[in-house]
């Protein structure tokens, strides 16, 4: 009997664990860390994984940690058995400030109709190593806080210092030290002007390694790793990064007793040293003009190509799909949709773009309006091969489309008639009036009078006016981008109304969050950029295209930067909330006037 009870309890525990794991696996939003046990001063990664459509998010409070990087964003799309799934990851580089157990609370992600919270994570921070001189600090005059230039430095590494525009290179920033590395503080983020950059996981993964440089052993740690694609030619300078590196070195004090003399000096000290990397120049070459195909659209790498049609025979006004799939290694993310050269009478729309690993598919919906036999031509794909340094043209398979006459019984059938075949016809023979008839003076006759013609014409005029109003309404609301732009101010007003309430309650952190949401939602709707993809570079480029004044652009970026700093570093920003509120209203009003002036 006792044995059976033990078996039943075991089965029950396993079942509860299985249910818990299943529930966690199915959660659309969750948090994860690279390690739950970390060393003080050694970076680790915290990430939020989002598998649903999200409008905005609020990260957890990182007050127990130093944020050295982030938020970094990456996304992926998968197409499995006809189902598209998307995943977005937001990550931060964190460093524990002191020893102990700390809880990173849940992050909040707002979806279309639902609010999601991530799981909380407990982090245990421990010492990196035992300090023989516990209780001493770097402010003690007997310790030196300087090291020679060859003992500690940051090196920027590039897989190629000379590359073609569109070619993919890997850029890293690595620390080299002859002393043991303890931690990193106040590091600036690397910038990649002239490159499209995608942050990658550091190869160090929280652990320092040993490396021999010119016969000398160094402790090394990779701070940043990014895959970059050059988007302009010339000599591009990679800017320096700067920060404090904490190293453990032997103190210069005299031994206080025989034990210190025997084991070497007066112990060890942890010293923060401000270090700066040297700028690095990458030469980006233009692609050769010799042999460049006419349909070349900037693809660089090594690709395969396939073009296929979902149907080769259909009736006029029916639709078929044309899929152009590009696979391989190269600058896939930067490739624009190919321009189609379709036969006359074929209608198409912007393609649906599907990215899946090393593959990118452009799916066009095409509707032929006239019957006949057609060949789809000019579908070849060309790219520049980095191995051979030559252009390669991948021909598309011949696609022949047979368009049958439209179905006349279909209620939605449309007959497309070319303008050169339209003819006008009119009956010019009328019946002759017979029998006796009386003559009536013109001024007493109702027919052909002004009243008669007014009553005859007014319904027709009313019909045309109604049709014009209806068409204008349809055109105005069919353009989803224009609709979003018109609603941008309304959305911003709603967020500012929330900010005004929080201002009255003197809730500064929540107030700056609403101010940031108001600006982001307004710019996302007005510039037709998803909020999750908003960046300073995209905002600056989009506003410049719309001829927004440079002063207004700088003020916009400054307001966003201040609000983000207040959001991610609660309590760090001070100032008059009323002034911030009024300045934000004035900023949105100015942007609305200048953008609408350009659009009109």
Protein backbone atom coordinates (compact mmCIF):
# COMPACT_ATOMS: atom_id res chain seq x y z
CA UNK A 1 0.00 0.00 0.00
CA UNK A 2 2.84 2.39 0.90
CA UNK A 3 4.58 1.47 -2.37
CA UNK A 4 1.48 2.40 -4.37
CA UNK A 5 1.22 5.74 -2.56
CA UNK A 6 4.84 6.53 -3.43
CA UNK A 7 4.26 5.65 -7.09
CA UNK A 8 1.10 7.81 -7.19
CA UNK A 9 2.95 10.77 -5.65
CA UNK A 10 5.83 10.38 -8.11
CA UNK A 11 3.45 10.28 -11.09
CA UNK A 12 1.59 13.34 -9.74
CA UNK A 13 4.84 15.33 -9.34
CA UNK A 14 6.01 14.40 -12.86
CA UNK A 15 2.61 15.36 -14.28
CA UNK A 16 2.71 18.77 -12.54
CA UNK A 17 6.24 19.40 -13.82
CA UNK A 18 5.18 18.45 -17.36
CA UNK A 19 2.20 20.81 -17.18
CA UNK A 20 4.46 23.59 -15.85
CA UNK A 21 6.99 23.11 -18.64
CA UNK A 22 4.27 22.97 -21.28
CA UNK A 23 2.68 26.16 -20.00
CA UNK A 24 6.00 27.94 -20.02
CA UNK A 25 6.87 26.71 -23.51
CA UNK A 26 3.56 27.96 -24.87
CA UNK A 27 3.90 31.43 -23.31
CA UNK A 28 3.91 34.04 -26.12
CA UNK A 29 6.25 36.35 -24.14
CA UNK A 30 9.01 35.21 -21.79
CA UNK A 31 12.35 36.30 -20.34
CA UNK A 32 15.67 34.45 -20.23
CA UNK A 33 19.27 35.06 -19.10
CA UNK A 34 22.62 33.67 -20.21
CA UNK A 35 23.32 32.60 -16.62
CA UNK A 36 21.48 32.80 -13.30
CA UNK A 37 24.75 32.75 -11.32
CA UNK A 38 27.10 35.55 -12.32
CA UNK A 39 30.26 37.24 -11.04
CA UNK A 40 30.23 40.82 -9.83
CA UNK A 41 31.54 43.03 -12.64
CA UNK A 42 31.29 40.34 -15.34
CA UNK A 43 28.65 41.01 -18.04
CA UNK A 44 25.73 38.69 -18.71
CA UNK A 45 22.74 38.92 -21.05
CA UNK A 46 19.05 39.41 -20.21
CA UNK A 47 16.56 38.97 -23.08
CA UNK A 48 12.82 39.28 -23.71
CA UNK A 49 11.48 36.89 -26.37
CA UNK A 50 8.23 38.04 -28.06
CA UNK A 51 6.27 35.66 -30.33
CA UNK A 52 3.15 37.84 -30.77
CA UNK A 53 2.49 41.17 -32.49
CA UNK A 54 3.49 43.91 -30.04
CA UNK A 55 2.82 47.66 -30.05
CA UNK A 56 5.23 48.65 -27.26
CA UNK A 57 6.93 47.31 -24.17
CA UNK A 58 8.18 48.35 -20.75
CA UNK A 59 11.40 46.67 -19.56
CA UNK A 60 11.88 45.63 -15.92
CA UNK A 61 13.73 47.73 -13.38
CA UNK A 62 17.49 47.15 -13.64
CA UNK A 63 18.38 49.25 -10.57
CA UNK A 64 20.50 46.44 -9.04
CA UNK A 65 22.61 46.19 -12.21
CA UNK A 66 24.63 48.40 -14.52
CA UNK A 67 23.33 48.44 -18.10
CA UNK A 68 26.35 48.28 -20.43
CA UNK A 69 24.46 47.62 -23.68
CA UNK A 70 20.98 47.50 -25.11
CA UNK A 71 18.28 47.31 -25.86
CA UNK A 72 19.52 45.26 -28.84
CA UNK A 73 16.84 43.96 -31.20
CA UNK A 74 16.77 40.93 -33.47
CA UNK A 75 13.91 39.18 -35.27
CA UNK A 76 13.29 36.01 -37.25
CA UNK A 77 10.50 34.69 -39.47
CA UNK A 78 9.67 31.06 -40.19
CA UNK A 79 7.35 29.50 -42.78
CA UNK A 80 6.38 25.95 -41.79
CA UNK A 81 3.57 24.01 -43.52
CA UNK A 82 1.92 27.19 -44.74
CA UNK A 83 2.01 28.89 -41.30
CA UNK A 84 4.11 32.01 -40.73
CA UNK A 85 5.59 32.52 -37.25
CA UNK A 86 7.60 35.56 -36.15
CA UNK A 87 9.83 36.08 -33.13
CA UNK A 88 11.46 39.26 -31.84
CA UNK A 89 14.17 39.32 -29.16
CA UNK A 90 15.14 42.38 -27.08
CA UNK A 91 18.37 41.96 -25.11
CA UNK A 92 20.45 43.96 -22.62
CA UNK A 93 24.00 43.54 -21.35
CA UNK A 94 23.98 43.76 -17.53
CA UNK A 95 26.64 43.77 -14.81
CA UNK A 96 25.90 43.05 -11.13
CA UNK A 97 26.96 45.93 -8.88
CA UNK A 98 27.40 43.89 -5.69
CA UNK A 99 27.06 40.41 -4.23
CA UNK A 100 23.71 38.94 -3.30
CA UNK A 101 20.50 37.61 -4.79
CA UNK A 102 18.49 40.03 -6.91
CA UNK A 103 15.19 39.64 -8.72
CA UNK A 104 14.65 41.03 -12.20
CA UNK A 105 10.93 41.70 -12.27
CA UNK A 106 8.55 41.00 -15.15
CA UNK A 107 8.61 43.09 -18.31
CA UNK A 108 5.29 44.26 -19.78
CA UNK A 109 4.55 43.82 -23.49
CA UNK A 110 1.42 45.37 -24.99
CA UNK A 111 -0.11 43.37 -27.85
CA UNK A 112 -3.00 44.28 -30.13
CA UNK A 113 -5.73 43.49 -27.61
CA UNK A 114 -3.87 42.06 -24.63
CA UNK A 115 -1.13 42.86 -22.14
CA UNK A 116 1.55 40.22 -21.50
CA UNK A 117 4.06 39.92 -18.65
CA UNK A 118 7.27 37.95 -18.66
CA UNK A 119 8.46 35.69 -15.87
CA UNK A 120 10.60 37.12 -13.05
CA UNK A 121 14.19 35.82 -12.80
CA UNK A 122 16.37 35.56 -9.67
CA UNK A 123 20.10 36.32 -10.23
CA UNK A 124 22.77 35.29 -7.74
CA UNK A 125 25.87 37.52 -7.87
CA UNK A 126 29.10 36.17 -6.35
CA UNK A 127 32.71 37.32 -6.06
CA UNK A 128 34.98 36.64 -9.02
CA UNK A 129 37.90 35.55 -6.84
CA UNK A 130 39.25 35.90 -3.28
CA UNK A 131 41.04 39.19 -2.69
CA UNK A 132 44.06 38.76 -0.42
CA UNK A 133 43.84 42.39 0.62
CA UNK A 134 40.18 42.52 1.55
CA UNK A 135 39.06 45.87 2.82
CA UNK A 136 41.43 48.01 0.75
CA UNK A 137 40.30 50.23 -2.12
CA UNK A 138 41.91 51.86 -5.12
CA UNK A 139 41.73 55.22 -3.33
CA UNK A 140 44.45 54.04 -0.93
CA UNK A 141 47.64 55.92 -1.97
CA UNK A 142 49.81 52.79 -1.71
CA UNK A 143 47.98 51.26 -4.69
CA UNK A 144 48.74 52.30 -8.25
CA UNK A 145 45.75 52.88 -10.58
CA UNK A 146 47.83 53.00 -13.77
CA UNK A 147 49.03 50.33 -16.16
CA UNK A 148 51.25 50.60 -19.20
CA UNK A 149 49.64 50.84 -22.64
CA UNK A 150 50.86 47.39 -23.67
CA UNK A 151 49.39 45.73 -20.56
CA UNK A 152 45.76 46.72 -21.23
CA UNK A 153 44.06 47.74 -24.47
CA UNK A 154 40.90 47.34 -26.56
CA UNK A 155 41.28 46.15 -30.12
CA UNK A 156 38.69 46.50 -32.87
CA UNK A 157 38.77 43.50 -35.18
CA UNK A 158 37.27 43.31 -38.67
CA UNK A 159 37.11 40.12 -40.72
CA UNK A 160 38.08 42.21 -43.78
CA UNK A 161 39.60 45.69 -43.78
CA UNK A 162 38.78 46.07 -47.49
CA UNK A 163 35.40 44.94 -48.80
CA UNK A 164 32.79 45.66 -51.46
CA UNK A 165 29.60 47.58 -50.84
CA UNK A 166 26.95 45.06 -49.84
CA UNK A 167 29.55 42.56 -48.60
CA UNK A 168 29.08 41.10 -45.12
CA UNK A 169 31.87 41.53 -42.55
CA UNK A 170 32.16 40.72 -38.84
CA UNK A 171 33.27 43.50 -36.46
CA UNK A 172 34.35 42.78 -32.88
CA UNK A 173 35.65 44.77 -29.92
CA UNK A 174 37.91 42.72 -27.60
CA UNK A 175 39.78 43.55 -24.38
CA UNK A 176 43.39 42.39 -23.93
CA UNK A 177 44.99 42.51 -20.45
CA UNK A 178 48.12 41.06 -18.86
CA UNK A 179 46.25 41.27 -15.55
CA UNK A 180 43.18 39.24 -14.61
CA UNK A 181 39.92 40.85 -15.77
CA UNK A 182 37.40 41.44 -13.00
CA UNK A 183 34.65 43.60 -14.55
CA UNK A 184 33.58 46.37 -16.94
CA UNK A 185 31.92 49.71 -16.18
CA UNK A 186 30.42 52.63 -18.12
CA UNK A 187 31.16 51.31 -21.59
CA UNK A 188 29.99 53.29 -24.61
CA UNK A 189 28.18 51.47 -27.42
CA UNK A 190 30.03 51.05 -30.73
CA UNK A 191 28.56 52.90 -33.70
CA UNK A 192 28.63 51.66 -37.27
CA UNK A 193 27.98 54.67 -39.49
CA UNK A 194 28.00 53.50 -43.12
CA UNK A 195 27.01 49.95 -42.20
CA UNK A 196 23.80 48.02 -41.64
CA UNK A 197 24.62 46.27 -38.35
CA UNK A 198 23.10 43.22 -36.65
CA UNK A 199 24.26 42.51 -33.07
CA UNK A 200 25.43 38.95 -32.38
CA UNK A 201 26.11 37.01 -29.21
CA UNK A 202 29.62 37.53 -27.85
CA UNK A 203 31.88 34.53 -28.35
CA UNK A 204 33.17 34.94 -24.77
CA UNK A 205 29.74 34.06 -23.29
CA UNK A 206 30.65 35.54 -19.90
CA UNK A 207 34.04 33.80 -19.65
CA UNK A 208 37.49 35.30 -20.17
CA UNK A 209 40.09 33.35 -22.14
CA UNK A 210 43.85 33.32 -22.69
CA UNK A 211 45.43 34.43 -25.96
CA UNK A 212 49.05 34.84 -27.05
CA UNK A 213 49.88 38.10 -28.88
CA UNK A 214 53.48 38.58 -30.06
CA UNK A 215 54.61 35.88 -27.62
CA UNK A 216 52.85 37.50 -24.62
CA UNK A 217 49.94 35.87 -22.73
CA UNK A 218 46.86 38.07 -22.38
CA UNK A 219 43.53 37.64 -20.65
CA UNK A 220 40.90 38.42 -23.32
CA UNK A 221 37.18 39.13 -23.33
CA UNK A 222 35.02 39.95 -26.35
CA UNK A 223 32.79 42.90 -25.51
CA UNK A 224 30.77 43.28 -28.73
CA UNK A 225 30.27 41.28 -31.93
CA UNK A 226 28.22 42.48 -34.92
CA UNK A 227 27.61 41.31 -38.47
CA UNK A 228 27.71 44.41 -40.70
CA UNK A 229 26.94 45.15 -44.34
CA UNK A 230 28.46 48.27 -45.90
CA UNK A 231 25.90 50.57 -47.52
CA UNK A 232 28.23 53.29 -48.84
CA UNK A 233 31.63 53.41 -50.50
CA UNK A 234 34.86 55.05 -49.41
CA UNK A 235 37.04 54.90 -46.31
CA UNK A 236 34.74 54.46 -43.31
CA UNK A 237 36.06 55.08 -39.79
CA UNK A 238 34.78 52.86 -37.01
CA UNK A 239 34.57 55.09 -33.94
CA UNK A 240 36.36 54.34 -30.68
CA UNK A 241 34.64 52.83 -27.65
CA UNK A 242 35.57 53.85 -24.13
CA UNK A 243 34.94 52.47 -20.66
CA UNK A 244 36.38 51.45 -17.30
CA UNK A 245 37.97 48.00 -17.12
CA UNK A 246 38.48 46.58 -13.63
CA UNK A 247 41.67 44.52 -13.40
CA UNK A 248 43.28 42.61 -10.54
CA UNK A 249 46.97 43.47 -10.10
CA UNK A 250 49.59 43.08 -7.45
CA UNK A 251 49.86 46.06 -5.11
CA UNK A 252 53.07 48.06 -4.82
CA UNK A 253 53.07 48.25 -1.02
CA UNK A 254 55.82 46.66 1.01
CA UNK A 255 55.13 43.30 2.71
CA UNK A 256 53.75 43.75 6.18
CA UNK A 257 54.91 40.37 7.47
CA UNK A 258 56.90 37.28 6.52
CA UNK A 259 53.87 35.62 4.94
CA UNK A 260 53.29 38.47 2.49
CA UNK A 261 57.01 38.52 1.73
CA UNK A 262 56.97 34.79 0.99
CA UNK A 263 53.81 34.83 -1.14
CA UNK A 264 54.74 38.01 -2.99
CA UNK A 265 54.27 41.61 -2.05
CA UNK A 266 51.35 43.02 -0.12
CA UNK A 267 48.50 41.22 -1.90
CA UNK A 268 46.31 42.24 -4.83
CA UNK A 269 43.98 45.08 -5.61
CA UNK A 270 41.06 45.60 -8.05
CA UNK A 271 41.75 48.73 -10.08
CA UNK A 272 39.37 50.42 -12.56
CA UNK A 273 41.29 51.72 -15.57
CA UNK A 274 39.73 53.97 -18.21
CA UNK A 275 40.58 52.52 -21.61
CA UNK A 276 39.79 53.65 -25.14
CA UNK A 277 40.12 51.74 -28.39
CA UNK A 278 41.73 53.19 -31.50
CA UNK A 279 39.61 54.16 -34.51
CA UNK A 280 39.65 51.59 -37.28
CA UNK A 281 39.36 52.39 -40.99
CA UNK A 282 37.56 50.04 -43.38
CA UNK A 283 37.83 50.68 -47.11
CA UNK A 284 34.58 49.93 -48.95
CA UNK A 285 34.96 49.44 -52.71
CA UNK A 286 32.30 50.19 -55.32
CA UNK A 287 31.08 47.28 -57.43
CA UNK A 288 32.64 47.21 -60.92
CA UNK A 289 30.64 48.65 -63.80
CA UNK A 290 32.05 46.19 -66.31
CA UNK A 291 29.60 43.38 -66.97
CA UNK A 292 26.90 44.77 -64.66
CA UNK A 293 23.46 43.42 -65.81
CA UNK A 294 20.64 45.86 -66.45
CA UNK A 295 18.41 44.16 -63.85
CA UNK A 296 21.08 44.17 -61.09
CA UNK A 297 19.53 45.37 -57.81
CA UNK A 298 22.56 45.28 -55.46
CA UNK A 299 22.69 41.59 -54.46
CA UNK A 300 26.17 40.62 -53.24
CA UNK A 301 27.14 37.12 -52.14
CA UNK A 302 26.44 33.63 -53.46
CA UNK A 303 22.81 32.81 -54.23
CA UNK A 304 20.42 30.39 -55.88
CA UNK A 305 17.18 31.52 -57.49
CA UNK A 306 13.79 30.09 -58.38
CA UNK A 307 10.72 31.66 -60.05
CA UNK A 308 7.41 29.79 -60.16
CA UNK A 309 3.73 30.50 -60.80
CA UNK A 310 0.88 28.99 -58.83
CA UNK A 311 -1.23 28.68 -62.04
CA UNK A 312 -0.49 28.68 -65.73
CA UNK A 313 -4.10 28.68 -66.98
CA UNK A 314 -6.91 30.81 -65.58
CA UNK A 315 -9.83 33.02 -66.56
CA UNK A 316 -9.61 36.76 -66.96
CA UNK A 317 -10.12 38.64 -63.65
CA UNK A 318 -8.92 35.59 -61.68
CA UNK A 319 -5.64 35.81 -59.75
CA UNK A 320 -2.45 33.80 -59.55
CA UNK A 321 0.71 34.04 -57.42
CA UNK A 322 4.21 34.58 -58.79
CA UNK A 323 6.90 33.63 -56.26
CA UNK A 324 10.53 34.72 -56.66
CA UNK A 325 12.72 32.91 -54.10
CA UNK A 326 16.35 33.93 -53.44
CA UNK A 327 18.48 31.67 -51.21
CA UNK A 328 22.10 31.70 -50.13
CA UNK A 329 24.61 33.84 -48.23
CA UNK A 330 24.92 37.58 -48.66
CA UNK A 331 23.02 40.81 -48.12
CA UNK A 332 19.57 39.20 -48.30
CA UNK A 333 18.07 41.57 -45.72
CA UNK A 334 18.91 44.61 -47.85
CA UNK A 335 17.43 43.30 -51.12
CA UNK A 336 14.39 45.21 -52.42
CA UNK A 337 11.53 43.59 -54.28
CA UNK A 338 12.31 43.08 -58.00
CA UNK A 339 10.35 45.24 -60.46
CA UNK A 340 8.19 43.17 -62.78
CA UNK A 341 7.74 43.87 -66.49
CA UNK A 342 4.24 42.45 -66.97
CA UNK A 343 2.17 42.28 -70.18
CA UNK A 344 -0.45 44.96 -70.83
CA UNK A 345 -3.67 44.27 -68.96
CA UNK A 346 -1.94 42.54 -66.01
CA UNK A 347 -2.43 44.13 -62.58
CA UNK A 348 -0.25 43.50 -59.54
CA UNK A 349 0.37 44.81 -56.04
CA UNK A 350 3.31 45.15 -53.67
CA UNK A 351 4.60 41.65 -52.89
CA UNK A 352 4.40 39.84 -49.58
CA UNK A 353 7.96 39.31 -48.33
CA UNK A 354 8.79 36.12 -46.42
CA UNK A 355 12.19 35.67 -44.73
CA UNK A 356 13.21 32.23 -43.49
CA UNK A 357 16.83 31.80 -42.44
CA UNK A 358 19.02 32.17 -45.55
CA UNK A 359 16.02 32.49 -47.87
CA UNK A 360 13.87 35.44 -48.95
CA UNK A 361 10.71 35.07 -51.04
CA UNK A 362 8.78 37.81 -52.87
CA UNK A 363 5.16 36.68 -53.40
CA UNK A 364 3.28 38.76 -56.01
CA UNK A 365 -0.51 38.57 -56.51
CA UNK A 366 -1.24 39.14 -60.24
CA UNK A 367 -4.62 39.58 -61.95
CA UNK A 368 -4.83 39.38 -65.78
CA UNK A 369 -7.75 41.40 -67.26
CA UNK A 370 -7.59 40.35 -70.93
CA UNK A 371 -7.70 36.90 -72.48
CA UNK A 372 -4.83 35.57 -74.56
CA UNK A 373 -1.47 33.77 -74.46
CA UNK A 374 1.31 35.50 -72.53
CA UNK A 375 4.94 34.88 -71.56
CA UNK A 376 6.34 36.37 -68.35
CA UNK A 377 9.78 37.69 -69.26
CA UNK A 378 12.62 39.65 -67.61
CA UNK A 379 12.41 37.54 -64.44
CA UNK A 380 16.14 36.71 -64.32
CA UNK A 381 18.08 37.43 -61.11
CA UNK A 382 21.65 38.75 -61.02
CA UNK A 383 24.19 39.15 -58.24
CA UNK A 384 27.87 39.95 -57.70
CA UNK A 385 29.92 36.88 -56.73
CA UNK A 386 32.60 37.74 -54.15
CA UNK A 387 34.70 34.66 -54.96
CA UNK A 388 35.03 35.27 -58.70
CA UNK A 389 34.61 39.08 -58.50
CA UNK A 390 32.16 38.83 -61.41
CA UNK A 391 28.44 39.26 -61.97
CA UNK A 392 26.31 36.13 -62.24
CA UNK A 393 22.92 35.99 -63.98
CA UNK A 394 20.54 33.23 -62.85
CA UNK A 395 17.89 32.72 -65.55
CA UNK A 396 14.29 32.08 -64.56
CA UNK A 397 12.35 29.14 -66.00
CA UNK A 398 9.99 30.08 -68.83
CA UNK A 399 6.51 30.88 -67.51
CA UNK A 400 3.65 30.80 -70.05
CA UNK A 401 0.23 32.01 -68.91
CA UNK A 402 -3.00 31.15 -70.76
CA UNK A 403 -5.83 33.57 -69.95
CA UNK A 404 -9.32 32.34 -70.86
CA UNK A 405 -12.40 34.56 -71.41
CA UNK A 406 -13.99 35.81 -68.17
CA UNK A 407 -17.00 34.06 -66.68
CA UNK A 408 -20.06 36.17 -67.71
CA UNK A 409 -22.24 34.60 -65.02
CA UNK A 410 -19.93 35.71 -62.25
CA UNK A 411 -21.32 38.66 -60.30
CA UNK A 412 -17.86 40.07 -59.81
CA UNK A 413 -16.70 39.57 -63.40
CA UNK A 414 -15.10 42.60 -65.02
CA UNK A 415 -14.58 42.94 -68.77
CA UNK A 416 -11.52 44.96 -69.66
CA UNK A 417 -11.90 46.80 -72.98
CA UNK A 418 -8.97 48.72 -74.45
CA UNK A 419 -9.66 52.38 -75.12
CA UNK A 420 -8.92 52.08 -78.85
CA UNK A 421 -11.87 49.68 -79.33
CA UNK A 422 -14.51 51.88 -77.70
CA UNK A 423 -17.16 53.10 -80.19
CA UNK A 424 -20.08 55.46 -79.78
CA UNK A 425 -23.53 54.72 -81.28
CA UNK A 426 -26.79 56.70 -81.29
CA UNK A 427 -30.30 56.18 -82.76
CA UNK A 428 -31.15 59.09 -85.08
CA UNK A 429 -34.61 57.99 -86.37
CA UNK A 430 -37.64 59.03 -84.35
CA UNK A 431 -41.34 58.27 -84.68
CA UNK A 432 -43.50 60.76 -86.62
CA UNK A 433 -46.34 62.23 -84.62
CA UNK A 434 -49.74 61.60 -86.32
CA UNK A 435 -53.28 63.01 -85.84
CA UNK A 436 -54.64 66.41 -84.80
CA UNK A 437 -52.75 68.46 -82.26
CA UNK A 438 -53.13 71.90 -80.74
CA UNK A 439 -50.46 74.57 -80.62
CA UNK A 440 -49.67 76.07 -77.24
CA UNK A 441 -47.70 79.21 -76.59
CA UNK A 442 -44.16 78.50 -75.43
CA UNK A 443 -44.38 80.62 -72.31
CA UNK A 444 -47.42 78.66 -71.08
CA UNK A 445 -46.01 75.18 -71.82
CA UNK A 446 -44.52 73.20 -68.91
CA UNK A 447 -42.36 70.95 -71.08
CA UNK A 448 -39.06 72.51 -72.12
CA UNK A 449 -39.57 75.20 -69.52
CA UNK A 450 -36.91 76.14 -67.00
CA UNK A 451 -38.77 74.32 -64.24
CA UNK A 452 -39.06 71.20 -66.40
CA UNK A 453 -35.33 71.11 -67.17
CA UNK A 454 -34.39 71.84 -63.56
CA UNK A 455 -36.48 68.90 -62.34
CA UNK A 456 -34.99 66.67 -65.05
CA UNK A 457 -31.36 67.59 -64.43
CA UNK A 458 -31.39 67.80 -60.61
CA UNK A 459 -31.57 63.98 -59.99
CA UNK A 460 -28.68 63.42 -62.40
CA UNK A 461 -26.59 66.12 -60.73
CA UNK A 462 -27.45 64.72 -57.31
CA UNK A 463 -26.38 61.24 -58.46
CA UNK A 464 -23.02 62.49 -59.77
CA UNK A 465 -22.39 64.47 -56.58
CA UNK A 466 -23.20 61.40 -54.47
CA UNK A 467 -20.90 59.21 -56.56
CA UNK A 468 -18.10 61.76 -56.30
CA UNK A 469 -18.50 62.00 -52.52
CA UNK A 470 -18.61 58.21 -52.21
CA UNK A 471 -15.53 57.76 -54.41
CA UNK A 472 -13.64 60.36 -52.42
CA UNK A 473 -14.61 58.57 -49.19
CA UNK A 474 -13.46 55.20 -50.55
CA UNK A 475 -10.16 56.60 -51.87
CA UNK A 476 -9.53 58.40 -48.62
CA UNK A 477 -10.01 55.29 -46.50
CA UNK A 478 -8.49 52.71 -48.87
CA UNK A 479 -5.02 54.13 -48.33
CA UNK A 480 -4.15 52.55 -44.96
CA UNK A 481 -0.97 54.62 -44.68
CA UNK A 482 -2.91 57.87 -45.11
CA UNK A 483 -5.51 56.70 -42.56
CA UNK A 484 -2.75 55.99 -40.03
CA UNK A 485 -1.22 59.40 -40.71
CA UNK A 486 -4.55 61.15 -40.10
CA UNK A 487 -5.01 59.27 -36.84
CA UNK A 488 -1.45 59.94 -35.65
CA UNK A 489 -2.34 63.16 -33.82
CA UNK A 490 -5.43 61.56 -32.22
CA UNK A 491 -3.28 58.69 -30.88
CA UNK A 492 -0.66 61.13 -29.57
CA UNK A 493 -3.37 63.22 -27.83
CA UNK A 494 -4.61 60.11 -26.02
CA UNK A 495 -1.11 59.32 -24.69
CA UNK A 496 -0.54 62.99 -23.75
CA UNK A 497 -3.84 62.96 -21.84
CA UNK A 498 -2.50 60.05 -19.77
CA UNK A 499 0.77 61.94 -19.28
CA UNK A 500 -1.16 65.00 -18.02
CA UNK A 501 -2.91 62.87 -15.38
CA UNK A 502 0.40 61.37 -14.24
CA UNK A 503 1.92 64.87 -14.15
CA UNK A 504 -0.82 65.94 -11.74
CA UNK A 505 0.05 62.93 -9.54
CA UNK A 506 3.80 63.77 -9.80
CA UNK A 507 4.61 60.25 -11.09
CA UNK A 508 7.74 61.13 -13.02
CA UNK A 509 8.75 57.67 -14.30
CA UNK A 510 5.28 56.83 -15.63
CA UNK A 511 4.97 60.39 -17.02
CA UNK A 512 8.13 60.04 -19.15
CA UNK A 513 6.95 56.60 -20.32
CA UNK A 514 3.70 58.13 -21.65
CA UNK A 515 5.62 61.04 -23.25
CA UNK A 516 7.91 58.52 -25.02
CA UNK A 517 4.90 56.41 -26.12
CA UNK A 518 3.14 59.52 -27.49
CA UNK A 519 6.14 60.52 -29.63
CA UNK A 520 6.86 56.94 -30.79
CA UNK A 521 3.22 56.21 -31.71
CA UNK A 522 2.90 59.54 -33.53
CA UNK A 523 6.12 59.05 -35.53
CA UNK A 524 5.34 55.38 -36.23
CA UNK A 525 1.90 56.27 -37.67
CA UNK A 526 3.01 59.44 -39.46
CA UNK A 527 6.14 57.92 -41.02
CA UNK A 528 4.59 54.45 -41.58
CA UNK A 529 7.27 52.68 -39.51
CA UNK A 530 6.35 49.93 -36.98
CA UNK A 531 7.03 51.15 -33.43
CA UNK A 532 9.24 48.11 -32.74
CA UNK A 533 11.50 49.11 -35.66
CA UNK A 534 11.82 52.82 -34.78
CA UNK A 535 15.42 53.96 -34.44
CA UNK A 536 17.10 57.34 -34.37
CA UNK A 537 18.57 56.74 -37.82
CA UNK A 538 15.21 55.82 -39.37
CA UNK A 539 13.47 58.77 -37.71
CA UNK A 540 16.17 61.20 -38.89
CA UNK A 541 16.18 59.84 -42.47
CA UNK A 542 12.36 59.78 -42.76
CA UNK A 543 11.95 63.33 -41.41
CA UNK A 544 14.73 64.58 -43.69
CA UNK A 545 12.97 63.05 -46.71
CA UNK A 546 9.85 65.01 -45.75
CA UNK A 547 11.92 68.25 -45.67
CA UNK A 548 11.54 68.71 -41.92
CA UNK A 549 13.75 71.47 -40.55
CA UNK A 550 17.04 70.29 -39.03
CA UNK A 551 16.29 72.13 -35.79
CA UNK A 552 12.97 70.27 -35.40
CA UNK A 553 14.64 66.89 -36.15
CA UNK A 554 17.31 67.52 -33.50
CA UNK A 555 14.67 68.56 -30.98
CA UNK A 556 12.69 65.38 -31.71
CA UNK A 557 15.72 63.12 -31.20
CA UNK A 558 16.69 65.02 -28.03
CA UNK A 559 13.17 64.60 -26.57
CA UNK A 560 13.20 60.85 -27.35
CA UNK A 561 16.66 60.47 -25.82
CA UNK A 562 15.63 62.29 -22.62
CA UNK A 563 12.42 60.24 -22.26
CA UNK A 564 14.26 56.94 -22.89
CA UNK A 565 16.89 57.85 -20.32
CA UNK A 566 14.18 58.64 -17.78
CA UNK A 567 12.35 55.39 -18.68
CA UNK A 568 15.33 53.04 -18.46
CA UNK A 569 17.05 54.85 -15.56
CA UNK A 570 14.14 55.75 -13.25
CA UNK A 571 14.73 58.78 -11.08
CA UNK A 572 17.84 59.84 -13.00
CA UNK A 573 16.11 62.67 -14.90
CA UNK A 574 14.86 65.78 -13.15
CA UNK A 575 13.06 68.78 -14.45
CA UNK A 576 9.75 70.63 -14.67
CA UNK A 577 7.14 68.13 -15.89
CA UNK A 578 4.86 70.94 -17.03
CA UNK A 579 7.58 72.32 -19.31
CA UNK A 580 8.29 68.87 -20.73
CA UNK A 581 4.56 68.36 -21.35
CA UNK A 582 4.15 71.73 -23.12
CA UNK A 583 7.35 71.24 -25.15
CA UNK A 584 6.09 67.83 -26.34
CA UNK A 585 2.75 69.31 -27.47
CA UNK A 586 4.60 72.11 -29.29
CA UNK A 587 6.99 69.56 -30.88
CA UNK A 588 4.16 67.34 -32.21
CA UNK A 589 2.29 70.42 -33.48
CA UNK A 590 5.40 71.63 -35.34
CA UNK A 591 6.04 68.19 -36.84
CA UNK A 592 2.42 67.95 -37.97
CA UNK A 593 2.60 71.33 -39.72
CA UNK A 594 5.89 70.62 -41.51
CA UNK A 595 5.06 67.03 -42.54
CA UNK A 596 1.57 67.99 -43.78
CA UNK A 597 3.06 70.91 -45.69
CA UNK A 598 5.39 68.50 -47.49
CA UNK A 599 2.60 65.94 -48.14
CA UNK A 600 0.29 68.58 -49.57
